[in-house]
Amino acid sequence: MAEAARLAWDGLLDFLYPPRCLVCEEHARPALCNSCTACFTPVPTPACPVCGRPVEGSSPCRLCAGMPTGGGGDWAFASARAAAIYEGPLRHAIHRFKYGRMILLGEPLGAFLANRLVVDGLLGEAVDAVVPVPIHPVRQRERGFNQTELLAAPVAAMLSVPLLPRALRRVRRTPPQVGLPPEARRANLQDAIAAPEPKLLAGCRVLLVDDVFTTGTTTDTCARSLKEAGAACVYVATLAAGG
């Protein structure tokens, strides 16, 4: 009886105050409506075979070709793939989710990423575990959640592998990476990320999940820590690819 009353009350509230998409704010039951996800722009082909960003031809992009060993050979991750381009409704969704504290966007955005990886075959590799990029505990308390952990949960569920949210830890609080050039980003993250429990990672093929791939500095730093802790290889999946 109590459950029936609750459902009736929820139905009345939905009638009086129809749920709105948190991105376009049109009337729609999901937190993220189908019209918005339909406007997310997939990464066009051809894409860089290393970082997955758009590129002309099949050669590595300028970012990967500019690595010290050339051709992306100095990245600690094996490859990176993004579900869509960081623009339009997806950019707005990520900003509302991450900075507007719209925690309800975590599940549908994570489901979008999971579907692109598994159903659309974007990942193309077998993995043993999913690891979210960590944020510093102080920042997590301020924000109330780690956005990458919420994105990673649906991915791990669809892949039927463990989610390891504590495999990586921010051991030093750093200023935001936004706006910093690549070298400053690397210096900013020096000794900031650690893998405190190597036994979780020994021999594992790890999928590292982040929200946006821009210069690759954060994902590369995380991948390096994972491999130093014993991970066999690291693949990267991000919700969006930045410019």
C-alpha atoms as a PDB file:
ATOM      1  CA  MET A   1       0.000   0.000   0.000  1.00  0.00           C
ATOM      2  CA  ALA A   2       2.820   2.407   0.881  1.00  0.00           C
ATOM      3  CA  GLU A   3       4.534   1.695  -2.460  1.00  0.00           C
ATOM      4  CA  ALA A   4       1.267   2.334  -4.337  1.00  0.00           C
ATOM      5  CA  ALA A   5       0.825   5.629  -2.498  1.00  0.00           C
ATOM      6  CA  ARG A   6       4.384   6.672  -3.315  1.00  0.00           C
ATOM      7  CA  LEU A   7       3.912   5.875  -7.009  1.00  0.00           C
ATOM      8  CA  ALA A   8       0.655   7.812  -7.059  1.00  0.00           C
ATOM      9  CA  TRP A   9       2.345  10.795  -5.408  1.00  0.00           C
ATOM     10  CA  ASP A  10       5.258  10.645  -7.857  1.00  0.00           C
ATOM     11  CA  GLY A  11       2.767  10.517 -10.737  1.00  0.00           C
ATOM     12  CA  LEU A  12       0.946  13.568  -9.433  1.00  0.00           C
ATOM     13  CA  LEU A  13       4.206  15.496  -9.063  1.00  0.00           C
ATOM     14  CA  ASP A  14       5.194  14.555 -12.626  1.00  0.00           C
ATOM     15  CA  PHE A  15       1.819  15.814 -13.843  1.00  0.00           C
ATOM     16  CA  LEU A  16       2.045  19.092 -11.954  1.00  0.00           C
ATOM     17  CA  TYR A  17       5.770  19.631 -12.522  1.00  0.00           C
ATOM     18  CA  PRO A  18       6.795  17.659 -15.642  1.00  0.00           C
ATOM     19  CA  PRO A  19      10.430  16.496 -15.438  1.00  0.00           C
ATOM     20  CA  ARG A  20      12.749  18.410 -17.714  1.00  0.00           C
ATOM     21  CA  CYS A  21      15.927  17.407 -19.496  1.00  0.00           C
ATOM     22  CA  LEU A  22      18.781  18.946 -17.503  1.00  0.00           C
ATOM     23  CA  VAL A  23      20.573  20.017 -20.691  1.00  0.00           C
ATOM     24  CA  CYS A  24      17.940  21.531 -23.016  1.00  0.00           C
ATOM     25  CA  GLU A  25      15.325  22.039 -20.246  1.00  0.00           C
ATOM     26  CA  GLU A  26      12.540  20.827 -22.538  1.00  0.00           C
ATOM     27  CA  HIS A  27       9.810  18.615 -21.119  1.00  0.00           C
ATOM     28  CA  ALA A  28      11.190  15.071 -21.044  1.00  0.00           C
ATOM     29  CA  ARG A  29      11.198  12.351 -18.441  1.00  0.00           C
ATOM     30  CA  PRO A  30      14.925  11.409 -18.587  1.00  0.00           C
ATOM     31  CA  ALA A  31      17.550  13.654 -17.031  1.00  0.00           C
ATOM     32  CA  LEU A  32      19.092  13.685 -20.520  1.00  0.00           C
ATOM     33  CA  CYS A  33      16.630  13.548 -23.407  1.00  0.00           C
ATOM     34  CA  ASN A  34      17.026  11.665 -26.673  1.00  0.00           C
ATOM     35  CA  SER A  35      16.990  14.911 -28.662  1.00  0.00           C
ATOM     36  CA  CYS A  36      20.146  16.076 -26.874  1.00  0.00           C
ATOM     37  CA  THR A  37      22.027  12.785 -27.220  1.00  0.00           C
ATOM     38  CA  ALA A  38      21.087  12.698 -30.912  1.00  0.00           C
ATOM     39  CA  CYS A  39      22.957  16.012 -31.276  1.00  0.00           C
ATOM     40  CA  PHE A  40      26.186  14.660 -29.769  1.00  0.00           C
ATOM     41  CA  THR A  41      28.745  14.647 -32.602  1.00  0.00           C
ATOM     42  CA  PRO A  42      30.694  11.369 -32.937  1.00  0.00           C
ATOM     43  CA  VAL A  43      34.423  11.684 -33.614  1.00  0.00           C
ATOM     44  CA  PRO A  44      34.624  11.674 -37.413  1.00  0.00           C
ATOM     45  CA  THR A  45      36.774   9.219 -39.302  1.00  0.00           C
ATOM     46  CA  PRO A  46      39.593   9.025 -39.976  1.00  0.00           C
ATOM     47  CA  ALA A  47      40.762   9.417 -36.390  1.00  0.00           C
ATOM     48  CA  CYS A  48      44.244   9.344 -34.915  1.00  0.00           C
ATOM     49  CA  PRO A  49      45.112   5.654 -34.323  1.00  0.00           C
ATOM     50  CA  VAL A  50      46.761   6.598 -31.016  1.00  0.00           C
ATOM     51  CA  CYS A  51      44.602   9.176 -29.230  1.00  0.00           C
ATOM     52  CA  GLY A  52      41.422   8.830 -31.285  1.00  0.00           C
ATOM     53  CA  ARG A  53      41.070  12.527 -32.097  1.00  0.00           C
ATOM     54  CA  PRO A  54      40.077  13.684 -35.607  1.00  0.00           C
ATOM     55  CA  VAL A  55      42.956  13.682 -38.090  1.00  0.00           C
ATOM     56  CA  GLU A  56      43.427  13.855 -41.836  1.00  0.00           C
ATOM     57  CA  GLY A  57      44.741  10.558 -43.173  1.00  0.00           C
ATOM     58  CA  SER A  58      45.802   7.599 -41.043  1.00  0.00           C
ATOM     59  CA  SER A  59      48.912   9.156 -39.497  1.00  0.00           C
ATOM     60  CA  PRO A  60      49.086  10.171 -35.830  1.00  0.00           C
ATOM     61  CA  CYS A  61      47.736  13.642 -35.095  1.00  0.00           C
ATOM     62  CA  ARG A  62      50.059  16.558 -34.381  1.00  0.00           C
ATOM     63  CA  LEU A  63      49.647  16.004 -30.637  1.00  0.00           C
ATOM     64  CA  CYS A  64      50.819  12.378 -30.811  1.00  0.00           C
ATOM     65  CA  ALA A  65      53.458  13.029 -33.463  1.00  0.00           C
ATOM     66  CA  GLY A  66      54.884  15.734 -31.212  1.00  0.00           C
ATOM     67  CA  MET A  67      55.621  13.304 -28.390  1.00  0.00           C
ATOM     68  CA  PRO A  68      59.379  12.920 -27.698  1.00  0.00           C
ATOM     69  CA  THR A  69      59.629   9.562 -29.477  1.00  0.00           C
ATOM     70  CA  GLY A  70      57.164  10.534 -32.226  1.00  0.00           C
ATOM     71  CA  GLY A  71      54.109   8.641 -33.379  1.00  0.00           C
ATOM     72  CA  GLY A  72      52.599   8.515 -29.922  1.00  0.00           C
ATOM     73  CA  GLY A  73      55.208   6.056 -28.740  1.00  0.00           C
ATOM     74  CA  ASP A  74      55.819   7.908 -25.499  1.00  0.00           C
ATOM     75  CA  TRP A  75      52.242   7.692 -24.228  1.00  0.00           C
ATOM     76  CA  ALA A  76      51.838   5.333 -21.288  1.00  0.00           C
ATOM     77  CA  PHE A  77      48.430   4.223 -22.591  1.00  0.00           C
ATOM     78  CA  ALA A  78      48.044   1.923 -25.584  1.00  0.00           C
ATOM     79  CA  SER A  79      45.224   3.896 -27.196  1.00  0.00           C
ATOM     80  CA  ALA A  80      42.519   6.421 -26.378  1.00  0.00           C
ATOM     81  CA  ARG A  81      39.001   6.712 -27.757  1.00  0.00           C
ATOM     82  CA  ALA A  82      36.317   9.368 -27.213  1.00  0.00           C
ATOM     83  CA  ALA A  83      32.573   8.907 -27.567  1.00  0.00           C
ATOM     84  CA  ALA A  84      31.975  12.309 -29.187  1.00  0.00           C
ATOM     85  CA  ILE A  85      33.361  15.776 -29.850  1.00  0.00           C
ATOM     86  CA  TYR A  86      33.470  18.307 -27.012  1.00  0.00           C
ATOM     87  CA  GLU A  87      31.007  20.772 -28.511  1.00  0.00           C
ATOM     88  CA  GLY A  88      27.349  21.798 -28.549  1.00  0.00           C
ATOM     89  CA  PRO A  89      24.926  19.922 -26.280  1.00  0.00           C
ATOM     90  CA  LEU A  90      27.617  17.521 -25.034  1.00  0.00           C
ATOM     91  CA  ARG A  91      29.851  20.374 -23.913  1.00  0.00           C
ATOM     92  CA  HIS A  92      26.859  21.963 -22.171  1.00  0.00           C
ATOM     93  CA  ALA A  93      25.935  18.629 -20.561  1.00  0.00           C
ATOM     94  CA  ILE A  94      29.463  18.110 -19.227  1.00  0.00           C
ATOM     95  CA  HIS A  95      29.577  21.641 -17.801  1.00  0.00           C
ATOM     96  CA  ARG A  96      26.211  21.239 -16.077  1.00  0.00           C
ATOM     97  CA  PHE A  97      27.247  17.829 -14.755  1.00  0.00           C
ATOM     98  CA  LYS A  98      30.743  18.726 -13.600  1.00  0.00           C
ATOM     99  CA  TYR A  99      30.471  22.349 -12.503  1.00  0.00           C
ATOM    100  CA  GLY A 100      26.706  22.728 -12.031  1.00  0.00           C
ATOM    101  CA  ARG A 101      26.640  19.639  -9.810  1.00  0.00           C
ATOM    102  CA  MET A 102      23.867  18.038 -11.869  1.00  0.00           C
ATOM    103  CA  ILE A 103      24.645  14.585 -10.492  1.00  0.00           C
ATOM    104  CA  LEU A 104      21.622  13.058 -12.256  1.00  0.00           C
ATOM    105  CA  LEU A 105      23.451  13.488 -15.573  1.00  0.00           C
ATOM    106  CA  GLY A 106      26.119  10.974 -14.513  1.00  0.00           C
ATOM    107  CA  GLU A 107      24.144   7.824 -15.300  1.00  0.00           C
ATOM    108  CA  PRO A 108      22.842   8.812 -18.782  1.00  0.00           C
ATOM    109  CA  LEU A 109      26.198  10.280 -19.852  1.00  0.00           C
ATOM    110  CA  GLY A 110      27.954   7.142 -18.598  1.00  0.00           C
ATOM    111  CA  ALA A 111      25.400   4.990 -20.437  1.00  0.00           C
ATOM    112  CA  PHE A 112      26.055   6.968 -23.641  1.00  0.00           C
ATOM    113  CA  LEU A 113      29.787   6.327 -23.274  1.00  0.00           C
ATOM    114  CA  ALA A 114      29.211   2.641 -22.493  1.00  0.00           C
ATOM    115  CA  ASN A 115      27.013   2.192 -25.554  1.00  0.00           C
ATOM    116  CA  ARG A 116      29.561   3.864 -27.810  1.00  0.00           C
ATOM    117  CA  LEU A 117      32.317   1.629 -26.429  1.00  0.00           C
ATOM    118  CA  VAL A 118      30.444  -1.680 -26.470  1.00  0.00           C
ATOM    119  CA  VAL A 119      27.448  -1.519 -28.786  1.00  0.00           C
ATOM    120  CA  ASP A 120      29.173   0.648 -31.406  1.00  0.00           C
ATOM    121  CA  GLY A 121      32.472  -1.221 -30.997  1.00  0.00           C
ATOM    122  CA  LEU A 122      34.559   1.842 -30.221  1.00  0.00           C
ATOM    123  CA  LEU A 123      36.686   0.058 -27.613  1.00  0.00           C
ATOM    124  CA  GLY A 124      37.612  -3.027 -29.600  1.00  0.00           C
ATOM    125  CA  GLU A 125      39.791  -4.438 -26.799  1.00  0.00           C
ATOM    126  CA  ALA A 126      39.198  -6.868 -23.938  1.00  0.00           C
ATOM    127  CA  VAL A 127      39.749  -5.383 -20.476  1.00  0.00           C
ATOM    128  CA  ASP A 128      39.785  -6.769 -16.939  1.00  0.00           C
ATOM    129  CA  ALA A 129      38.822  -3.690 -14.937  1.00  0.00           C
ATOM    130  CA  VAL A 130      37.615  -0.099 -15.250  1.00  0.00           C
ATOM    131  CA  VAL A 131      39.384   2.687 -13.344  1.00  0.00           C
ATOM    132  CA  PRO A 132      38.108   6.291 -13.137  1.00  0.00           C
ATOM    133  CA  VAL A 133      40.512   9.223 -13.133  1.00  0.00           C
ATOM    134  CA  PRO A 134      40.650  10.408  -9.498  1.00  0.00           C
ATOM    135  CA  ILE A 135      40.088  13.880  -8.111  1.00  0.00           C
ATOM    136  CA  HIS A 136      41.595  15.133  -4.867  1.00  0.00           C
ATOM    137  CA  PRO A 137      39.531  14.286  -1.744  1.00  0.00           C
ATOM    138  CA  VAL A 138      39.143  17.978  -0.898  1.00  0.00           C
ATOM    139  CA  ARG A 139      37.777  18.749  -4.358  1.00  0.00           C
ATOM    140  CA  GLN A 140      35.490  15.729  -4.179  1.00  0.00           C
ATOM    141  CA  ARG A 141      34.072  16.951  -0.871  1.00  0.00           C
ATOM    142  CA  GLU A 142      33.522  20.402  -2.374  1.00  0.00           C
ATOM    143  CA  ARG A 143      31.829  19.026  -5.496  1.00  0.00           C
ATOM    144  CA  GLY A 144      30.065  16.194  -3.721  1.00  0.00           C
ATOM    145  CA  PHE A 145      31.074  13.512  -6.214  1.00  0.00           C
ATOM    146  CA  ASN A 146      33.777  12.380  -8.633  1.00  0.00           C
ATOM    147  CA  GLN A 147      32.283  12.841 -12.095  1.00  0.00           C
ATOM    148  CA  THR A 148      34.542  10.249 -13.712  1.00  0.00           C
ATOM    149  CA  GLU A 149      33.485   7.569 -11.226  1.00  0.00           C
ATOM    150  CA  LEU A 150      29.839   8.175 -12.138  1.00  0.00           C
ATOM    151  CA  LEU A 151      30.720   7.935 -15.839  1.00  0.00           C
ATOM    152  CA  ALA A 152      32.758   4.773 -15.311  1.00  0.00           C
ATOM    153  CA  ALA A 153      30.085   2.819 -13.418  1.00  0.00           C
ATOM    154  CA  PRO A 154      27.799   2.141 -16.429  1.00  0.00           C
ATOM    155  CA  VAL A 155      30.868   1.277 -18.522  1.00  0.00           C
ATOM    156  CA  ALA A 156      32.047  -1.353 -16.026  1.00  0.00           C
ATOM    157  CA  ALA A 157      28.508  -2.737 -15.774  1.00  0.00           C
ATOM    158  CA  MET A 158      28.140  -3.097 -19.549  1.00  0.00           C
ATOM    159  CA  LEU A 159      31.566  -4.692 -19.856  1.00  0.00           C
ATOM    160  CA  SER A 160      30.824  -6.985 -16.862  1.00  0.00           C
ATOM    161  CA  VAL A 161      34.172  -6.174 -15.235  1.00  0.00           C
ATOM    162  CA  PRO A 162      34.999  -4.689 -11.802  1.00  0.00           C
ATOM    163  CA  LEU A 163      34.973  -0.944 -11.222  1.00  0.00           C
ATOM    164  CA  LEU A 164      38.052  -0.003  -9.177  1.00  0.00           C
ATOM    165  CA  PRO A 165      37.419   3.540  -7.896  1.00  0.00           C
ATOM    166  CA  ARG A 166      40.328   3.416  -5.437  1.00  0.00           C
ATOM    167  CA  ALA A 167      42.954   2.024  -7.793  1.00  0.00           C
ATOM    168  CA  LEU A 168      44.246   5.576  -8.306  1.00  0.00           C
ATOM    169  CA  ARG A 169      44.481   8.380  -5.781  1.00  0.00           C
ATOM    170  CA  ARG A 170      45.282  12.085  -5.964  1.00  0.00           C
ATOM    171  CA  VAL A 171      47.968  12.488  -3.333  1.00  0.00           C
ATOM    172  CA  ARG A 172      48.642  16.159  -4.005  1.00  0.00           C
ATOM    173  CA  ARG A 173      46.064  18.863  -4.668  1.00  0.00           C
ATOM    174  CA  THR A 174      46.793  20.704  -7.914  1.00  0.00           C
ATOM    175  CA  PRO A 175      45.357  23.771  -9.621  1.00  0.00           C
ATOM    176  CA  PRO A 176      42.872  23.061 -12.451  1.00  0.00           C
ATOM    177  CA  GLN A 177      44.450  21.968 -15.739  1.00  0.00           C
ATOM    178  CA  VAL A 178      42.116  24.136 -17.830  1.00  0.00           C
ATOM    179  CA  GLY A 179      44.020  26.840 -19.704  1.00  0.00           C
ATOM    180  CA  LEU A 180      47.510  25.478 -18.998  1.00  0.00           C
ATOM    181  CA  PRO A 181      49.856  24.613 -21.911  1.00  0.00           C
ATOM    182  CA  PRO A 182      50.968  20.950 -22.190  1.00  0.00           C
ATOM    183  CA  GLU A 183      54.305  21.335 -20.402  1.00  0.00           C
ATOM    184  CA  ALA A 184      52.704  23.253 -17.535  1.00  0.00           C
ATOM    185  CA  ARG A 185      50.055  20.535 -17.280  1.00  0.00           C
ATOM    186  CA  ARG A 186      52.737  17.864 -16.935  1.00  0.00           C
ATOM    187  CA  ALA A 187      54.562  19.860 -14.265  1.00  0.00           C
ATOM    188  CA  ASN A 188      51.264  20.463 -12.479  1.00  0.00           C
ATOM    189  CA  LEU A 189      50.628  16.708 -12.181  1.00  0.00           C
ATOM    190  CA  GLN A 190      54.166  15.716 -11.198  1.00  0.00           C
ATOM    191  CA  ASP A 191      53.904  13.230  -8.285  1.00  0.00           C
ATOM    192  CA  ALA A 192      50.204  14.074  -7.883  1.00  0.00           C
ATOM    193  CA  ILE A 193      48.676  10.682  -8.758  1.00  0.00           C
ATOM    194  CA  ALA A 194      49.531   7.320  -7.211  1.00  0.00           C
ATOM    195  CA  ALA A 195      48.302   3.728  -7.357  1.00  0.00           C
ATOM    196  CA  PRO A 196      48.286   2.744  -3.655  1.00  0.00           C
ATOM    197  CA  GLU A 197      47.156  -0.889  -4.065  1.00  0.00           C
ATOM    198  CA  PRO A 198      49.291  -2.613  -6.728  1.00  0.00           C
ATOM    199  CA  LYS A 199      47.736  -6.010  -5.969  1.00  0.00           C
ATOM    200  CA  LEU A 200      44.514  -4.750  -7.569  1.00  0.00           C
ATOM    201  CA  LEU A 201      46.291  -4.111 -10.842  1.00  0.00           C
ATOM    202  CA  ALA A 202      48.894  -6.846 -11.294  1.00  0.00           C
ATOM    203  CA  GLY A 203      48.643  -8.147 -14.847  1.00  0.00           C
ATOM    204  CA  CYS A 204      45.341  -6.340 -15.513  1.00  0.00           C
ATOM    205  CA  ARG A 205      44.245  -4.846 -18.794  1.00  0.00           C
ATOM    206  CA  VAL A 206      42.773  -1.586 -17.517  1.00  0.00           C
ATOM    207  CA  LEU A 207      40.267   0.772 -19.108  1.00  0.00           C
ATOM    208  CA  LEU A 208      40.859   4.269 -17.729  1.00  0.00           C
ATOM    209  CA  VAL A 209      37.791   6.549 -17.912  1.00  0.00           C
ATOM    210  CA  ASP A 210      37.824  10.366 -17.946  1.00  0.00           C
ATOM    211  CA  ASP A 211      35.379  13.050 -19.035  1.00  0.00           C
ATOM    212  CA  VAL A 212      37.373  15.007 -21.662  1.00  0.00           C
ATOM    213  CA  PHE A 213      40.581  14.220 -23.579  1.00  0.00           C
ATOM    214  CA  THR A 214      42.325  17.495 -24.468  1.00  0.00           C
ATOM    215  CA  THR A 215      46.125  17.256 -24.349  1.00  0.00           C
ATOM    216  CA  GLY A 216      46.242  13.745 -22.882  1.00  0.00           C
ATOM    217  CA  THR A 217      48.349  14.853 -19.924  1.00  0.00           C
ATOM    218  CA  THR A 218      45.999  13.673 -17.180  1.00  0.00           C
ATOM    219  CA  THR A 219      45.232  10.316 -18.788  1.00  0.00           C
ATOM    220  CA  ASP A 220      48.898   9.735 -19.574  1.00  0.00           C
ATOM    221  CA  THR A 221      49.917  10.496 -15.977  1.00  0.00           C
ATOM    222  CA  CYS A 222      47.247   8.110 -14.666  1.00  0.00           C
ATOM    223  CA  ALA A 223      48.209   5.407 -17.149  1.00  0.00           C
ATOM    224  CA  ARG A 224      51.852   5.716 -16.140  1.00  0.00           C
ATOM    225  CA  SER A 225      50.950   5.199 -12.468  1.00  0.00           C
ATOM    226  CA  LEU A 226      48.786   2.187 -13.349  1.00  0.00           C
ATOM    227  CA  LYS A 227      51.571   0.546 -15.338  1.00  0.00           C
ATOM    228  CA  GLU A 228      54.155   1.255 -12.653  1.00  0.00           C
ATOM    229  CA  ALA A 229      51.801  -0.525 -10.224  1.00  0.00           C
ATOM    230  CA  GLY A 230      51.741  -3.624 -12.440  1.00  0.00           C
ATOM    231  CA  ALA A 231      48.949  -3.119 -14.994  1.00  0.00           C
ATOM    232  CA  ALA A 232      49.725  -5.029 -18.180  1.00  0.00           C
ATOM    233  CA  CYS A 233      48.300  -2.321 -20.441  1.00  0.00           C
ATOM    234  CA  VAL A 234      46.029   0.698 -20.223  1.00  0.00           C
ATOM    235  CA  TYR A 235      43.362   1.837 -22.662  1.00  0.00           C
ATOM    236  CA  VAL A 236      41.612   5.179 -22.311  1.00  0.00           C
ATOM    237  CA  ALA A 237      37.945   6.018 -22.899  1.00  0.00           C
ATOM    238  CA  THR A 238      36.604   9.537 -22.539  1.00  0.00           C
ATOM    239  CA  LEU A 239      33.161  10.992 -22.968  1.00  0.00           C
ATOM    240  CA  ALA A 240      34.493  13.757 -25.216  1.00  0.00           C
ATOM    241  CA  ALA A 241      37.508  14.753 -27.278  1.00  0.00           C
ATOM    242  CA  GLY A 242      38.530  18.386 -26.959  1.00  0.00           C
ATOM    243  CA  GLY A 243      40.347  20.571 -29.411  1.00  0.00           C
END
